[in-house]
Amino acid sequence: QVRVVESGGGSVQTGGSLRLSCAVSGFTFTMDYYCVAWFRQASGKSREKLVAIDDEDRSSSAVSVKGRFTVSKDKENNILYLQMNRLKPDDTATYYCAAVRSRCYWAGMDYGINTPSSAWGQGTLVTVAS
């Protein structure tokens, strides 16, 4: 069973940086097909896909975060990171990690992750003060 647990949220000033972590279990980064991704949802808004990466290290980022947010993997420890730089108040949201044991569907609303076999975390809150 796939599970994900996010951490690393908090409060930061405009222009600051944060790194979120997502511990993934149920498959290994070095041996399986998978898609792992970050999403966010701001208060009163719909969920937004941010960035995804697959087992072949192919990745895709949303226009809203391209050049500011970077995804990376610790393959030894099965951890997905989201490095967020030059944060803005509009980045304030709850950030979610999600994973599935299949390839990313890059054109999909949720990178193809929103399936019965996928796992979503509880979310971690990021607040960017102006």
C-alpha atoms as a PDB file:
ATOM      1  CA  GLN A   1       0.000   0.000   0.000  1.00  0.00           C
ATOM      2  CA  VAL A   2       1.379   3.364  -1.017  1.00  0.00           C
ATOM      3  CA  ARG A   3       1.593   6.048   1.682  1.00  0.00           C
ATOM      4  CA  VAL A   4       2.948   9.579   1.725  1.00  0.00           C
ATOM      5  CA  VAL A   5       3.635  11.951   4.600  1.00  0.00           C
ATOM      6  CA  GLU A   6       4.463  15.619   4.027  1.00  0.00           C
ATOM      7  CA  SER A   7       6.469  17.892   6.294  1.00  0.00           C
ATOM      8  CA  GLY A   8       8.302  21.195   6.199  1.00  0.00           C
ATOM      9  CA  GLY A   9       5.543  23.762   5.948  1.00  0.00           C
ATOM     10  CA  GLY A  10       5.580  26.980   7.907  1.00  0.00           C
ATOM     11  CA  SER A  11       5.548  30.747   7.673  1.00  0.00           C
ATOM     12  CA  VAL A  12       7.993  32.800   5.650  1.00  0.00           C
ATOM     13  CA  GLN A  13       8.348  36.361   4.411  1.00  0.00           C
ATOM     14  CA  THR A  14       7.899  37.322   0.781  1.00  0.00           C
ATOM     15  CA  GLY A  15      11.006  36.405  -1.158  1.00  0.00           C
ATOM     16  CA  GLY A  16      11.974  33.676   1.265  1.00  0.00           C
ATOM     17  CA  SER A  17      12.440  29.954   0.737  1.00  0.00           C
ATOM     18  CA  LEU A  18      11.093  26.721   2.166  1.00  0.00           C
ATOM     19  CA  ARG A  19      11.741  23.090   1.441  1.00  0.00           C
ATOM     20  CA  LEU A  20       8.929  20.582   1.773  1.00  0.00           C
ATOM     21  CA  SER A  21       9.528  16.878   2.219  1.00  0.00           C
ATOM     22  CA  CYS A  22       7.382  13.905   1.310  1.00  0.00           C
ATOM     23  CA  ALA A  23       8.266  10.505   2.697  1.00  0.00           C
ATOM     24  CA  VAL A  24       6.952   7.820   0.372  1.00  0.00           C
ATOM     25  CA  SER A  25       6.410   4.167   1.255  1.00  0.00           C
ATOM     26  CA  GLY A  26       4.881   1.256  -0.600  1.00  0.00           C
ATOM     27  CA  PHE A  27       7.309   1.353  -3.483  1.00  0.00           C
ATOM     28  CA  THR A  28      10.956   2.253  -3.947  1.00  0.00           C
ATOM     29  CA  PHE A  29      12.305   5.119  -6.001  1.00  0.00           C
ATOM     30  CA  THR A  30      15.012   2.931  -7.435  1.00  0.00           C
ATOM     31  CA  MET A  31      13.052  -0.112  -8.549  1.00  0.00           C
ATOM     32  CA  ASP A  32       9.501   0.717  -9.572  1.00  0.00           C
ATOM     33  CA  TYR A  33       7.432   2.665 -12.054  1.00  0.00           C
ATOM     34  CA  TYR A  34       5.799   5.622 -10.344  1.00  0.00           C
ATOM     35  CA  CYS A  35       4.646   9.177 -10.494  1.00  0.00           C
ATOM     36  CA  VAL A  36       5.063  11.499  -7.516  1.00  0.00           C
ATOM     37  CA  ALA A  37       3.866  15.055  -7.432  1.00  0.00           C
ATOM     38  CA  TRP A  38       3.117  18.175  -5.457  1.00  0.00           C
ATOM     39  CA  PHE A  39      -0.172  20.026  -5.461  1.00  0.00           C
ATOM     40  CA  ARG A  40      -1.561  22.905  -3.469  1.00  0.00           C
ATOM     41  CA  GLN A  41      -4.900  24.290  -2.513  1.00  0.00           C
ATOM     42  CA  ALA A  42      -5.426  27.817  -1.306  1.00  0.00           C
ATOM     43  CA  SER A  43      -8.402  28.762   0.795  1.00  0.00           C
ATOM     44  CA  GLY A  44     -11.495  29.093  -1.381  1.00  0.00           C
ATOM     45  CA  LYS A  45      -9.736  27.854  -4.508  1.00  0.00           C
ATOM     46  CA  SER A  46      -9.540  24.563  -6.338  1.00  0.00           C
ATOM     47  CA  ARG A  47      -6.542  22.278  -6.152  1.00  0.00           C
ATOM     48  CA  GLU A  48      -3.647  23.233  -8.392  1.00  0.00           C
ATOM     49  CA  LYS A  49      -1.048  20.860  -9.753  1.00  0.00           C
ATOM     50  CA  LEU A  50       2.494  22.152  -9.322  1.00  0.00           C
ATOM     51  CA  VAL A  51       5.163  19.671 -10.311  1.00  0.00           C
ATOM     52  CA  ALA A  52       5.561  15.967 -10.928  1.00  0.00           C
ATOM     53  CA  ILE A  53       8.440  13.596 -11.504  1.00  0.00           C
ATOM     54  CA  ASP A  54       8.546   9.966 -12.542  1.00  0.00           C
ATOM     55  CA  ASP A  55      10.884   7.010 -12.176  1.00  0.00           C
ATOM     56  CA  GLU A  56      12.950   8.138 -15.168  1.00  0.00           C
ATOM     57  CA  ASP A  57      13.367  11.602 -13.628  1.00  0.00           C
ATOM     58  CA  ARG A  58      11.172  13.232 -16.236  1.00  0.00           C
ATOM     59  CA  SER A  59       9.392  16.187 -14.681  1.00  0.00           C
ATOM     60  CA  SER A  60       6.867  18.851 -15.467  1.00  0.00           C
ATOM     61  CA  SER A  61       6.128  22.109 -13.664  1.00  0.00           C
ATOM     62  CA  ALA A  62       3.184  24.447 -13.713  1.00  0.00           C
ATOM     63  CA  VAL A  63       3.760  27.839 -15.269  1.00  0.00           C
ATOM     64  CA  SER A  64       2.929  29.539 -11.969  1.00  0.00           C
ATOM     65  CA  VAL A  65       5.950  27.995 -10.238  1.00  0.00           C
ATOM     66  CA  LYS A  66       8.375  27.313 -13.063  1.00  0.00           C
ATOM     67  CA  GLY A  67      11.784  28.744 -12.247  1.00  0.00           C
ATOM     68  CA  ARG A  68      10.932  29.141  -8.559  1.00  0.00           C
ATOM     69  CA  PHE A  69       9.973  25.628  -7.408  1.00  0.00           C
ATOM     70  CA  THR A  70      12.171  22.599  -7.965  1.00  0.00           C
ATOM     71  CA  VAL A  71      11.380  18.957  -7.325  1.00  0.00           C
ATOM     72  CA  SER A  72      14.047  16.439  -6.379  1.00  0.00           C
ATOM     73  CA  LYS A  73      14.302  12.935  -4.992  1.00  0.00           C
ATOM     74  CA  ASP A  74      16.402  11.252  -2.334  1.00  0.00           C
ATOM     75  CA  LYS A  75      16.369   7.830  -3.940  1.00  0.00           C
ATOM     76  CA  GLU A  76      18.124   6.131  -1.041  1.00  0.00           C
ATOM     77  CA  ASN A  77      15.540   7.233   1.504  1.00  0.00           C
ATOM     78  CA  ASN A  78      12.457   7.441  -0.743  1.00  0.00           C
ATOM     79  CA  ILE A  79      11.867  11.114  -0.058  1.00  0.00           C
ATOM     80  CA  LEU A  80      10.501  13.661  -2.495  1.00  0.00           C
ATOM     81  CA  TYR A  81      11.430  17.297  -1.965  1.00  0.00           C
ATOM     82  CA  LEU A  82       9.928  20.552  -3.147  1.00  0.00           C
ATOM     83  CA  GLN A  83      12.334  23.456  -2.934  1.00  0.00           C
ATOM     84  CA  MET A  84      10.387  26.700  -3.070  1.00  0.00           C
ATOM     85  CA  ASN A  85      12.261  29.939  -3.680  1.00  0.00           C
ATOM     86  CA  ARG A  86      11.198  33.558  -4.129  1.00  0.00           C
ATOM     87  CA  LEU A  87       7.930  32.864  -2.382  1.00  0.00           C
ATOM     88  CA  LYS A  88       5.001  35.232  -2.826  1.00  0.00           C
ATOM     89  CA  PRO A  89       1.818  35.762  -0.810  1.00  0.00           C
ATOM     90  CA  ASP A  90      -0.072  33.996  -3.632  1.00  0.00           C
ATOM     91  CA  ASP A  91       1.875  30.854  -2.755  1.00  0.00           C
ATOM     92  CA  THR A  92       0.037  30.648   0.571  1.00  0.00           C
ATOM     93  CA  ALA A  93      -1.784  27.317   0.549  1.00  0.00           C
ATOM     94  CA  THR A  94      -1.873  23.805   1.899  1.00  0.00           C
ATOM     95  CA  TYR A  95       0.612  21.722  -0.048  1.00  0.00           C
ATOM     96  CA  TYR A  96      -0.030  18.075  -0.779  1.00  0.00           C
ATOM     97  CA  CYS A  97       2.172  15.268  -1.930  1.00  0.00           C
ATOM     98  CA  ALA A  98       0.718  12.410  -3.951  1.00  0.00           C
ATOM     99  CA  ALA A  99       2.057   9.204  -5.433  1.00  0.00           C
ATOM    100  CA  VAL A 100       0.972   6.331  -7.610  1.00  0.00           C
ATOM    101  CA  ARG A 101       2.690   3.231  -8.972  1.00  0.00           C
ATOM    102  CA  SER A 102       2.260   4.093 -12.595  1.00  0.00           C
ATOM    103  CA  ARG A 103       3.696   6.565 -15.040  1.00  0.00           C
ATOM    104  CA  CYS A 104       2.669  10.199 -14.952  1.00  0.00           C
ATOM    105  CA  TYR A 105      -0.023  11.340 -17.329  1.00  0.00           C
ATOM    106  CA  TRP A 106       1.519  14.715 -18.013  1.00  0.00           C
ATOM    107  CA  ALA A 107      -1.531  16.200 -19.695  1.00  0.00           C
ATOM    108  CA  GLY A 108      -3.931  15.116 -16.981  1.00  0.00           C
ATOM    109  CA  MET A 109      -5.444  17.418 -14.391  1.00  0.00           C
ATOM    110  CA  ASP A 110      -3.695  15.525 -11.613  1.00  0.00           C
ATOM    111  CA  TYR A 111      -0.827  13.997 -13.619  1.00  0.00           C
ATOM    112  CA  GLY A 112      -2.901  10.795 -13.635  1.00  0.00           C
ATOM    113  CA  ILE A 113      -2.364  10.375  -9.908  1.00  0.00           C
ATOM    114  CA  ASN A 114      -5.946  10.713  -8.701  1.00  0.00           C
ATOM    115  CA  THR A 115      -6.856   7.036  -8.929  1.00  0.00           C
ATOM    116  CA  PRO A 116      -8.090   4.493  -6.344  1.00  0.00           C
ATOM    117  CA  SER A 117      -4.545   3.140  -6.007  1.00  0.00           C
ATOM    118  CA  SER A 118      -2.912   6.486  -5.380  1.00  0.00           C
ATOM    119  CA  ALA A 119      -1.912   7.958  -2.051  1.00  0.00           C
ATOM    120  CA  TRP A 120      -2.325  11.528  -0.885  1.00  0.00           C
ATOM    121  CA  GLY A 121      -0.882  13.111   2.206  1.00  0.00           C
ATOM    122  CA  GLN A 122      -2.657  15.193   4.808  1.00  0.00           C
ATOM    123  CA  GLY A 123      -1.032  18.360   3.579  1.00  0.00           C
ATOM    124  CA  THR A 124       1.312  20.906   5.078  1.00  0.00           C
ATOM    125  CA  LEU A 125       0.467  24.586   5.363  1.00  0.00           C
ATOM    126  CA  VAL A 126       2.684  27.233   3.830  1.00  0.00           C
ATOM    127  CA  THR A 127       2.019  30.863   4.696  1.00  0.00           C
ATOM    128  CA  VAL A 128       3.848  33.673   2.928  1.00  0.00           C
ATOM    129  CA  ALA A 129       3.579  37.037   4.631  1.00  0.00           C
ATOM    130  CA  SER A 130       3.739  40.249   2.609  1.00  0.00           C
END
